Amino acid sequence: MKNSKKINGGILGIAAALALVFTQSAFTSAATRYYFYDNQWQTSAPSSQTCVSDPQRLCSAVFDTPPTSKSNLISENPAADEVQIGKLQ
C-alpha cells in the first residue's frame, strides 16, 4: 500500500512538473518584439535607422499580442513590455 502511494505521488509530481514547463513555455513564446517605423508596428528591425532620444515614444517593445495602436506614444501602448524608449530615424 505504501509503495502504491509513493508511485502515485511520483506520477503526480512528474505530471505537475510537466504542466509547469508547458505552461511557462506557452507564456514565454507568445511575446514578440515589434519596431515602430514607417508609421506602423513591424516585426523586423529596420536596417538603416537607429533609435534616437524621445522620452514619450517607443522605438521597440515586446507585446503578447500584435499591437493595435497606430502610434508609438508610450501612453497609447500600455501593454508594451521590455521597451526601448525613443524613436527610429
N, C-alpha and C. Protein backbone atom coordinates (compact mmCIF):
# COMPACT_ATOMS: atom_id res chain seq x y z
N MET A 1 0.82 -1.19 0.00
CA MET A 1 0.00 0.00 0.00
C MET A 1 0.87 1.25 0.00
N LYS A 2 1.95 1.22 0.82
CA LYS A 2 2.82 2.39 0.87
C LYS A 2 3.51 2.62 -0.47
N ASN A 3 3.89 1.54 -1.12
CA ASN A 3 4.56 1.67 -2.42
C ASN A 3 3.64 2.28 -3.47
N SER A 4 2.36 1.91 -3.46
CA SER A 4 1.45 2.48 -4.45
C SER A 4 1.23 3.96 -4.18
N LYS A 5 1.24 4.38 -2.91
CA LYS A 5 1.12 5.81 -2.60
C LYS A 5 2.35 6.56 -3.09
N LYS A 6 3.52 5.96 -2.93
CA LYS A 6 4.75 6.60 -3.41
C LYS A 6 4.74 6.71 -4.93
N ILE A 7 4.29 5.65 -5.59
CA ILE A 7 4.23 5.66 -7.06
C ILE A 7 3.23 6.71 -7.53
N ASN A 8 2.05 6.75 -6.90
CA ASN A 8 1.04 7.74 -7.28
C ASN A 8 1.56 9.15 -7.02
N GLY A 9 2.23 9.34 -5.89
CA GLY A 9 2.80 10.65 -5.59
C GLY A 9 3.87 11.04 -6.59
N GLY A 10 4.68 10.08 -7.00
CA GLY A 10 5.71 10.34 -8.00
C GLY A 10 5.11 10.70 -9.35
N ILE A 11 4.08 9.98 -9.73
CA ILE A 11 3.40 10.27 -11.01
C ILE A 11 2.78 11.66 -10.97
N LEU A 12 2.13 11.99 -9.86
CA LEU A 12 1.53 13.32 -9.72
C LEU A 12 2.60 14.41 -9.76
N GLY A 13 3.73 14.15 -9.13
CA GLY A 13 4.83 15.12 -9.15
C GLY A 13 5.37 15.35 -10.55
N ILE A 14 5.54 14.28 -11.29
CA ILE A 14 6.02 14.40 -12.67
C ILE A 14 4.99 15.13 -13.52
N ALA A 15 3.71 14.81 -13.35
CA ALA A 15 2.66 15.48 -14.12
C ALA A 15 2.62 16.97 -13.80
N ALA A 16 2.78 17.32 -12.53
CA ALA A 16 2.78 18.74 -12.14
C ALA A 16 3.98 19.46 -12.73
N ALA A 17 5.14 18.82 -12.72
CA ALA A 17 6.34 19.43 -13.30
C ALA A 17 6.18 19.65 -14.80
N LEU A 18 5.65 18.67 -15.50
CA LEU A 18 5.42 18.81 -16.94
C LEU A 18 4.41 19.92 -17.23
N ALA A 19 3.35 19.99 -16.44
CA ALA A 19 2.36 21.05 -16.63
C ALA A 19 2.99 22.42 -16.44
N LEU A 20 3.85 22.55 -15.46
CA LEU A 20 4.53 23.82 -15.21
C LEU A 20 5.44 24.19 -16.38
N VAL A 21 6.18 23.25 -16.89
CA VAL A 21 7.07 23.51 -18.03
C VAL A 21 6.28 23.94 -19.25
N PHE A 22 5.21 23.22 -19.57
CA PHE A 22 4.41 23.57 -20.74
C PHE A 22 3.71 24.91 -20.57
N THR A 23 3.25 25.21 -19.37
CA THR A 23 2.59 26.49 -19.12
C THR A 23 3.57 27.63 -19.27
N GLN A 24 4.76 27.51 -18.71
CA GLN A 24 5.75 28.58 -18.81
C GLN A 24 6.18 28.78 -20.25
N SER A 25 6.39 27.72 -21.00
CA SER A 25 6.83 27.89 -22.38
C SER A 25 5.72 28.49 -23.23
N ALA A 26 4.48 28.22 -22.91
CA ALA A 26 3.37 28.82 -23.66
C ALA A 26 3.33 30.32 -23.45
N PHE A 27 3.60 30.77 -22.23
CA PHE A 27 3.56 32.21 -21.96
C PHE A 27 4.79 32.92 -22.50
N THR A 28 5.95 32.32 -22.42
CA THR A 28 7.16 33.00 -22.85
C THR A 28 7.32 33.01 -24.36
N SER A 29 6.77 32.04 -25.06
CA SER A 29 6.96 32.01 -26.51
C SER A 29 5.94 32.87 -27.26
N ALA A 30 4.92 33.35 -26.57
CA ALA A 30 3.86 34.11 -27.24
C ALA A 30 4.28 35.55 -27.52
N ALA A 31 5.17 36.11 -26.73
CA ALA A 31 5.54 37.52 -26.87
C ALA A 31 6.47 37.72 -28.07
N THR A 32 6.28 38.85 -28.75
CA THR A 32 7.08 39.20 -29.93
C THR A 32 7.54 40.64 -29.81
N ARG A 33 8.76 40.91 -30.25
CA ARG A 33 9.26 42.29 -30.28
C ARG A 33 8.79 42.95 -31.57
N TYR A 34 8.24 44.16 -31.43
CA TYR A 34 7.78 44.96 -32.57
C TYR A 34 8.57 46.26 -32.61
N TYR A 35 8.81 46.76 -33.80
CA TYR A 35 9.54 48.01 -34.04
C TYR A 35 8.60 48.98 -34.75
N PHE A 36 8.62 50.26 -34.33
CA PHE A 36 7.72 51.23 -34.94
C PHE A 36 8.49 52.08 -35.94
N TYR A 37 8.20 51.87 -37.22
CA TYR A 37 8.76 52.72 -38.28
C TYR A 37 7.82 52.68 -39.48
N ASP A 38 7.97 53.65 -40.35
CA ASP A 38 7.05 53.82 -41.48
C ASP A 38 5.60 53.92 -40.99
N ASN A 39 5.44 54.55 -39.82
CA ASN A 39 4.13 54.81 -39.21
C ASN A 39 3.32 53.55 -38.87
N GLN A 40 4.02 52.45 -38.59
CA GLN A 40 3.31 51.24 -38.16
C GLN A 40 4.24 50.32 -37.38
N TRP A 41 3.65 49.42 -36.61
CA TRP A 41 4.41 48.42 -35.88
C TRP A 41 4.78 47.28 -36.82
N GLN A 42 6.06 46.85 -36.76
CA GLN A 42 6.53 45.79 -37.64
C GLN A 42 7.38 44.81 -36.83
N THR A 43 7.48 43.58 -37.28
CA THR A 43 8.21 42.56 -36.54
C THR A 43 9.69 42.50 -36.86
N SER A 44 10.13 43.21 -37.87
CA SER A 44 11.56 43.21 -38.21
C SER A 44 12.15 44.59 -37.95
N ALA A 45 13.38 44.61 -37.51
CA ALA A 45 14.06 45.87 -37.24
C ALA A 45 14.52 46.51 -38.54
N PRO A 46 14.43 47.83 -38.64
CA PRO A 46 14.91 48.50 -39.85
C PRO A 46 16.44 48.49 -39.89
N SER A 47 17.00 48.28 -41.04
CA SER A 47 18.47 48.19 -41.14
C SER A 47 19.12 49.56 -41.21
N SER A 48 18.41 50.57 -41.68
CA SER A 48 19.04 51.87 -41.91
C SER A 48 18.64 52.93 -40.89
N GLN A 49 17.94 52.55 -39.81
CA GLN A 49 17.51 53.53 -38.82
C GLN A 49 18.05 53.17 -37.45
N THR A 50 18.23 54.20 -36.63
CA THR A 50 18.66 53.99 -35.25
C THR A 50 17.68 54.67 -34.31
N CYS A 51 17.69 54.25 -33.08
CA CYS A 51 16.79 54.79 -32.07
C CYS A 51 17.42 56.05 -31.48
N VAL A 52 16.73 57.18 -31.61
CA VAL A 52 17.21 58.45 -31.06
C VAL A 52 16.31 58.86 -29.90
N SER A 53 16.83 59.69 -29.04
CA SER A 53 16.14 60.07 -27.81
C SER A 53 14.80 60.76 -28.06
N ASP A 54 13.77 60.25 -27.43
CA ASP A 54 12.45 60.87 -27.38
C ASP A 54 11.73 60.21 -26.20
N PRO A 55 11.66 60.89 -25.06
CA PRO A 55 11.15 60.27 -23.84
C PRO A 55 9.66 59.90 -23.85
N GLN A 56 8.93 60.28 -24.88
CA GLN A 56 7.49 59.98 -24.93
C GLN A 56 7.16 58.87 -25.92
N ARG A 57 8.16 58.34 -26.61
CA ARG A 57 7.89 57.37 -27.68
C ARG A 57 8.66 56.06 -27.48
N LEU A 58 8.24 55.05 -28.22
CA LEU A 58 8.87 53.73 -28.20
C LEU A 58 9.52 53.43 -29.54
N CYS A 59 10.78 53.04 -29.51
CA CYS A 59 11.43 52.52 -30.72
C CYS A 59 10.95 51.10 -30.95
N SER A 60 10.96 50.32 -29.87
CA SER A 60 10.52 48.94 -29.96
C SER A 60 10.00 48.50 -28.60
N ALA A 61 9.22 47.44 -28.62
CA ALA A 61 8.67 46.88 -27.39
C ALA A 61 8.21 45.46 -27.65
N VAL A 62 8.08 44.71 -26.58
CA VAL A 62 7.59 43.34 -26.66
C VAL A 62 6.10 43.36 -26.31
N PHE A 63 5.31 42.69 -27.14
CA PHE A 63 3.87 42.59 -26.93
C PHE A 63 3.46 41.12 -26.94
N ASP A 64 2.50 40.75 -26.09
CA ASP A 64 1.97 39.39 -26.08
C ASP A 64 1.10 39.13 -27.30
N THR A 65 0.42 40.16 -27.76
CA THR A 65 -0.40 40.08 -28.98
C THR A 65 0.00 41.26 -29.86
N PRO A 66 -0.24 41.20 -31.15
CA PRO A 66 0.15 42.32 -32.02
C PRO A 66 -0.47 43.64 -31.54
N PRO A 67 0.33 44.71 -31.50
CA PRO A 67 -0.19 46.00 -31.03
C PRO A 67 -1.28 46.53 -31.96
N THR A 68 -2.30 47.12 -31.37
CA THR A 68 -3.40 47.68 -32.16
C THR A 68 -3.27 49.18 -32.33
N SER A 69 -2.39 49.80 -31.56
CA SER A 69 -2.19 51.25 -31.65
C SER A 69 -1.51 51.61 -32.96
N LYS A 70 -1.89 52.73 -33.52
CA LYS A 70 -1.26 53.24 -34.74
C LYS A 70 -0.22 54.30 -34.40
N SER A 71 0.21 54.30 -33.13
CA SER A 71 1.16 55.30 -32.65
C SER A 71 2.22 54.60 -31.81
N ASN A 72 3.37 55.25 -31.68
CA ASN A 72 4.40 54.71 -30.80
C ASN A 72 4.52 55.53 -29.51
N LEU A 73 3.50 56.31 -29.19
CA LEU A 73 3.48 57.02 -27.91
C LEU A 73 3.38 56.01 -26.78
N ILE A 74 4.16 56.22 -25.73
CA ILE A 74 4.14 55.31 -24.59
C ILE A 74 2.73 55.23 -24.01
N SER A 75 2.07 56.37 -23.90
CA SER A 75 0.73 56.42 -23.29
C SER A 75 -0.31 55.63 -24.08
N GLU A 76 -0.09 55.40 -25.34
CA GLU A 76 -1.06 54.66 -26.17
C GLU A 76 -0.72 53.18 -26.29
N ASN A 77 0.31 52.74 -25.60
CA ASN A 77 0.73 51.34 -25.66
C ASN A 77 0.96 50.77 -24.26
N PRO A 78 -0.10 50.71 -23.45
CA PRO A 78 0.07 50.23 -22.07
C PRO A 78 0.47 48.76 -21.97
N ALA A 79 0.25 47.98 -23.01
CA ALA A 79 0.60 46.56 -22.97
C ALA A 79 2.06 46.30 -23.35
N ALA A 80 2.79 47.36 -23.67
CA ALA A 80 4.20 47.21 -24.08
C ALA A 80 5.05 46.75 -22.90
N ASP A 81 5.96 45.85 -23.17
CA ASP A 81 6.87 45.33 -22.17
C ASP A 81 8.28 45.36 -22.76
N GLU A 82 9.29 45.36 -21.92
CA GLU A 82 10.69 45.37 -22.37
C GLU A 82 10.89 46.44 -23.45
N VAL A 83 10.55 47.67 -23.10
CA VAL A 83 10.53 48.76 -24.08
C VAL A 83 11.91 49.37 -24.33
N GLN A 84 12.07 49.91 -25.53
CA GLN A 84 13.23 50.71 -25.89
C GLN A 84 12.67 52.10 -26.18
N ILE A 85 13.03 53.06 -25.32
CA ILE A 85 12.49 54.41 -25.40
C ILE A 85 13.21 55.21 -26.49
N GLY A 86 12.43 55.93 -27.28
CA GLY A 86 12.97 56.79 -28.33
C GLY A 86 12.15 56.64 -29.60
N LYS A 87 12.70 57.13 -30.70
CA LYS A 87 12.04 56.93 -31.99
C LYS A 87 13.08 56.58 -33.03
N LEU A 88 12.69 55.76 -33.96
CA LEU A 88 13.61 55.32 -35.01
C LEU A 88 13.71 56.39 -36.09
N GLN A 89 14.94 56.70 -36.45
CA GLN A 89 15.20 57.67 -37.53
C GLN A 89 16.29 57.15 -38.42
